[in-house]
N, C-alpha and C. Protein backbone atom coordinates (compact mmCIF):
# COMPACT_ATOMS: atom_id res chain seq x y z
N UNK A 1 5.74 -4.88 6.91
CA UNK A 1 4.59 -4.04 7.08
C UNK A 1 4.72 -2.84 6.15
N UNK A 2 3.65 -2.44 5.55
CA UNK A 2 3.67 -1.25 4.72
C UNK A 2 2.55 -0.33 5.14
N UNK A 3 2.69 0.92 4.80
CA UNK A 3 1.71 1.90 5.19
C UNK A 3 0.86 2.28 3.99
N UNK A 4 -0.45 2.34 4.21
CA UNK A 4 -1.34 2.80 3.15
C UNK A 4 -1.33 4.32 3.19
N UNK A 5 -1.06 4.91 2.04
CA UNK A 5 -1.01 6.35 1.94
C UNK A 5 -2.35 6.87 1.44
N UNK A 6 -2.75 8.03 1.93
CA UNK A 6 -3.98 8.65 1.49
C UNK A 6 -3.64 9.88 0.68
N UNK A 7 -4.35 10.05 -0.42
CA UNK A 7 -4.14 11.19 -1.30
C UNK A 7 -5.50 11.86 -1.48
N UNK A 8 -5.53 13.18 -1.42
CA UNK A 8 -6.77 13.91 -1.67
C UNK A 8 -6.62 14.72 -2.94
N UNK A 9 -7.63 14.65 -3.81
CA UNK A 9 -7.63 15.44 -5.04
C UNK A 9 -9.04 15.97 -5.28
N UNK A 10 -9.12 17.12 -5.91
CA UNK A 10 -10.42 17.69 -6.25
C UNK A 10 -11.03 16.93 -7.42
N UNK A 11 -12.32 17.11 -7.61
CA UNK A 11 -13.01 16.46 -8.73
C UNK A 11 -12.37 16.88 -10.05
N UNK A 12 -12.07 18.17 -10.19
CA UNK A 12 -11.49 18.68 -11.44
C UNK A 12 -10.14 18.00 -11.72
N UNK A 13 -9.29 17.89 -10.70
CA UNK A 13 -8.00 17.24 -10.90
C UNK A 13 -8.17 15.75 -11.16
N UNK A 14 -9.14 15.13 -10.50
CA UNK A 14 -9.38 13.70 -10.70
C UNK A 14 -9.80 13.41 -12.14
N UNK A 15 -10.60 14.29 -12.73
CA UNK A 15 -11.03 14.09 -14.11
C UNK A 15 -9.83 14.09 -15.06
N UNK A 16 -8.86 14.94 -14.77
CA UNK A 16 -7.69 15.05 -15.65
C UNK A 16 -6.61 14.03 -15.36
N UNK A 17 -6.65 13.41 -14.18
CA UNK A 17 -5.55 12.53 -13.77
C UNK A 17 -6.00 11.11 -13.45
N UNK A 18 -7.14 10.68 -13.96
CA UNK A 18 -7.67 9.37 -13.59
C UNK A 18 -6.69 8.22 -13.81
N UNK A 19 -6.01 8.12 -14.95
CA UNK A 19 -5.05 7.00 -15.10
C UNK A 19 -3.96 7.01 -14.02
N UNK A 20 -3.44 8.18 -13.68
CA UNK A 20 -2.41 8.26 -12.64
C UNK A 20 -2.98 7.90 -11.28
N UNK A 21 -4.22 8.29 -11.01
CA UNK A 21 -4.85 7.96 -9.72
C UNK A 21 -5.08 6.45 -9.62
N UNK A 22 -5.46 5.83 -10.71
CA UNK A 22 -5.67 4.38 -10.69
C UNK A 22 -4.33 3.67 -10.45
N UNK A 23 -3.26 4.15 -11.05
CA UNK A 23 -1.93 3.56 -10.79
C UNK A 23 -1.56 3.72 -9.31
N UNK A 24 -1.91 4.85 -8.72
CA UNK A 24 -1.62 5.07 -7.30
C UNK A 24 -2.38 4.06 -6.45
N UNK A 25 -3.64 3.80 -6.79
CA UNK A 25 -4.44 2.82 -6.05
C UNK A 25 -3.84 1.43 -6.22
N UNK A 26 -3.39 1.11 -7.42
CA UNK A 26 -2.75 -0.19 -7.65
C UNK A 26 -1.49 -0.34 -6.81
N UNK A 27 -0.85 0.78 -6.46
CA UNK A 27 0.37 0.76 -5.64
C UNK A 27 0.08 0.78 -4.15
N UNK A 28 -1.21 0.78 -3.78
CA UNK A 28 -1.56 0.70 -2.36
C UNK A 28 -2.10 1.99 -1.76
N UNK A 29 -2.20 3.04 -2.52
CA UNK A 29 -2.74 4.29 -1.98
C UNK A 29 -4.26 4.28 -2.03
N UNK A 30 -4.85 5.08 -1.14
CA UNK A 30 -6.28 5.34 -1.18
C UNK A 30 -6.42 6.79 -1.65
N UNK A 31 -7.29 7.02 -2.60
CA UNK A 31 -7.47 8.35 -3.16
C UNK A 31 -8.85 8.87 -2.76
N UNK A 32 -8.86 10.00 -2.07
CA UNK A 32 -10.11 10.64 -1.67
C UNK A 32 -10.36 11.79 -2.63
N UNK A 33 -11.54 11.80 -3.24
CA UNK A 33 -11.92 12.87 -4.17
C UNK A 33 -12.78 13.86 -3.41
N UNK A 34 -12.43 15.13 -3.54
CA UNK A 34 -13.11 16.16 -2.77
C UNK A 34 -13.85 17.15 -3.67
N UNK A 35 -14.86 17.77 -3.08
CA UNK A 35 -15.59 18.86 -3.73
C UNK A 35 -15.68 19.98 -2.71
N UNK A 36 -15.14 21.12 -3.06
CA UNK A 36 -15.07 22.26 -2.13
C UNK A 36 -14.39 21.87 -0.81
N UNK A 37 -13.38 20.98 -0.93
CA UNK A 37 -12.62 20.57 0.25
C UNK A 37 -13.26 19.47 1.07
N UNK A 38 -14.46 19.03 0.70
CA UNK A 38 -15.15 17.97 1.44
C UNK A 38 -15.01 16.64 0.70
N UNK A 39 -14.71 15.55 1.40
CA UNK A 39 -14.63 14.25 0.74
C UNK A 39 -16.00 13.84 0.17
N UNK A 40 -16.01 13.42 -1.08
CA UNK A 40 -17.26 12.98 -1.70
C UNK A 40 -17.16 11.56 -2.28
N UNK A 41 -15.95 11.07 -2.51
CA UNK A 41 -15.76 9.73 -3.06
C UNK A 41 -14.37 9.24 -2.69
N UNK A 42 -14.19 7.93 -2.84
CA UNK A 42 -12.89 7.34 -2.53
C UNK A 42 -12.58 6.24 -3.53
N UNK A 43 -11.34 6.26 -4.04
CA UNK A 43 -10.86 5.18 -4.90
C UNK A 43 -9.98 4.27 -4.06
N UNK A 44 -10.34 2.99 -4.01
CA UNK A 44 -9.54 2.01 -3.28
C UNK A 44 -9.45 0.74 -4.11
N UNK A 45 -8.50 -0.09 -3.80
CA UNK A 45 -8.35 -1.37 -4.49
C UNK A 45 -9.55 -2.26 -4.17
N UNK A 46 -9.93 -3.14 -5.09
CA UNK A 46 -11.04 -4.06 -4.82
C UNK A 46 -10.65 -5.05 -3.73
N UNK A 47 -11.64 -5.72 -3.15
CA UNK A 47 -11.33 -6.74 -2.13
C UNK A 47 -10.40 -7.80 -2.71
N UNK A 48 -9.60 -8.45 -1.85
CA UNK A 48 -8.60 -9.41 -2.32
C UNK A 48 -9.14 -10.51 -3.23
N UNK A 49 -10.36 -10.96 -3.03
CA UNK A 49 -10.85 -12.05 -3.87
C UNK A 49 -11.05 -11.62 -5.33
N UNK A 50 -11.05 -10.32 -5.59
CA UNK A 50 -11.21 -9.83 -6.96
C UNK A 50 -9.88 -9.43 -7.59
N UNK A 51 -8.83 -9.40 -6.77
CA UNK A 51 -7.52 -8.99 -7.29
C UNK A 51 -6.69 -10.21 -7.62
N UNK A 52 -5.88 -10.09 -8.64
CA UNK A 52 -4.93 -11.14 -8.97
C UNK A 52 -3.55 -10.67 -8.52
N UNK A 53 -2.75 -11.61 -8.06
CA UNK A 53 -1.38 -11.28 -7.66
C UNK A 53 -0.59 -10.87 -8.89
N UNK A 54 0.20 -9.83 -8.74
CA UNK A 54 1.05 -9.37 -9.83
C UNK A 54 2.50 -9.58 -9.45
N UNK A 55 3.29 -10.14 -10.36
CA UNK A 55 4.71 -10.31 -10.12
C UNK A 55 5.33 -8.93 -9.92
N UNK A 56 6.04 -8.74 -8.83
CA UNK A 56 6.69 -7.45 -8.55
C UNK A 56 5.76 -6.45 -7.90
N UNK A 57 4.55 -6.85 -7.52
CA UNK A 57 3.58 -5.92 -6.95
C UNK A 57 4.01 -5.30 -5.63
N UNK A 58 4.89 -5.95 -4.90
CA UNK A 58 5.35 -5.42 -3.61
C UNK A 58 6.73 -4.78 -3.73
N UNK A 59 7.24 -4.67 -4.94
CA UNK A 59 8.58 -4.10 -5.15
C UNK A 59 8.63 -2.69 -4.56
N UNK A 60 9.66 -2.46 -3.74
CA UNK A 60 9.85 -1.15 -3.14
C UNK A 60 9.03 -0.94 -1.87
N UNK A 61 8.19 -1.91 -1.49
CA UNK A 61 7.35 -1.75 -0.31
C UNK A 61 7.82 -2.62 0.86
N UNK A 62 8.74 -3.53 0.60
CA UNK A 62 9.27 -4.40 1.65
C UNK A 62 10.77 -4.18 1.74
N UNK A 63 11.24 -3.93 2.95
CA UNK A 63 12.68 -3.76 3.14
C UNK A 63 13.17 -4.79 4.14
N UNK A 64 14.26 -5.44 3.82
CA UNK A 64 14.87 -6.39 4.73
C UNK A 64 16.05 -5.70 5.40
N UNK A 65 16.08 -5.75 6.71
CA UNK A 65 17.14 -5.11 7.46
C UNK A 65 18.42 -5.94 7.39
N UNK A 66 19.57 -5.30 7.53
CA UNK A 66 20.83 -6.05 7.52
C UNK A 66 20.80 -7.12 8.62
N UNK A 67 21.25 -8.29 8.27
CA UNK A 67 21.31 -9.38 9.25
C UNK A 67 20.04 -10.20 9.35
N UNK A 68 19.04 -9.91 8.53
CA UNK A 68 17.77 -10.63 8.63
C UNK A 68 17.93 -12.12 8.39
N UNK A 69 18.96 -12.52 7.67
CA UNK A 69 19.14 -13.93 7.33
C UNK A 69 20.22 -14.63 8.15
N UNK A 70 20.69 -13.97 9.21
CA UNK A 70 21.70 -14.60 10.06
C UNK A 70 21.06 -15.72 10.88
N UNK A 71 21.77 -16.81 11.09
CA UNK A 71 21.21 -17.92 11.86
C UNK A 71 20.92 -17.52 13.30
N UNK A 72 19.88 -18.14 13.87
CA UNK A 72 19.54 -17.91 15.28
C UNK A 72 19.45 -19.25 15.98
N UNK A 73 19.53 -19.21 17.30
CA UNK A 73 19.43 -20.44 18.08
C UNK A 73 17.97 -20.84 18.25
N UNK A 74 17.75 -22.06 18.66
CA UNK A 74 16.38 -22.53 18.91
C UNK A 74 15.73 -21.70 20.02
N UNK A 75 16.51 -21.32 21.03
CA UNK A 75 15.98 -20.52 22.13
C UNK A 75 15.51 -19.15 21.63
N UNK A 76 16.31 -18.55 20.74
CA UNK A 76 15.91 -17.25 20.17
C UNK A 76 14.64 -17.40 19.34
N UNK A 77 14.53 -18.49 18.60
CA UNK A 77 13.36 -18.75 17.79
C UNK A 77 12.11 -18.87 18.66
N UNK A 78 12.24 -19.57 19.78
CA UNK A 78 11.12 -19.79 20.67
C UNK A 78 10.90 -18.64 21.66
N UNK A 79 11.76 -17.65 21.63
CA UNK A 79 11.63 -16.49 22.52
C UNK A 79 12.06 -16.76 23.94
N UNK A 80 12.86 -17.80 24.13
CA UNK A 80 13.35 -18.14 25.46
C UNK A 80 14.65 -17.43 25.71
N UNK A 81 14.84 -16.99 26.95
CA UNK A 81 16.10 -16.34 27.30
C UNK A 81 17.13 -17.40 27.69
N UNK A 82 18.36 -17.17 27.26
CA UNK A 82 19.40 -18.17 27.59
C UNK A 82 20.21 -17.74 28.77
């Protein structure tokens, strides 16, 4: 599971930082553009049917805990108590 981060930037900052904001959206962030502190627009990734999978796109967003690959019993798999 990963968390979508929200970033707020003013229109003036968005004009100067558009390439960086687009990279942030590609990394899973939602960017809210504000005017006088009020949200006026939002940059988000396109719907999945318009996106292509990128090799390494989830790098750094998924963590495997120690022991994730240790064998388990059939009962543990099925959620049965032994």
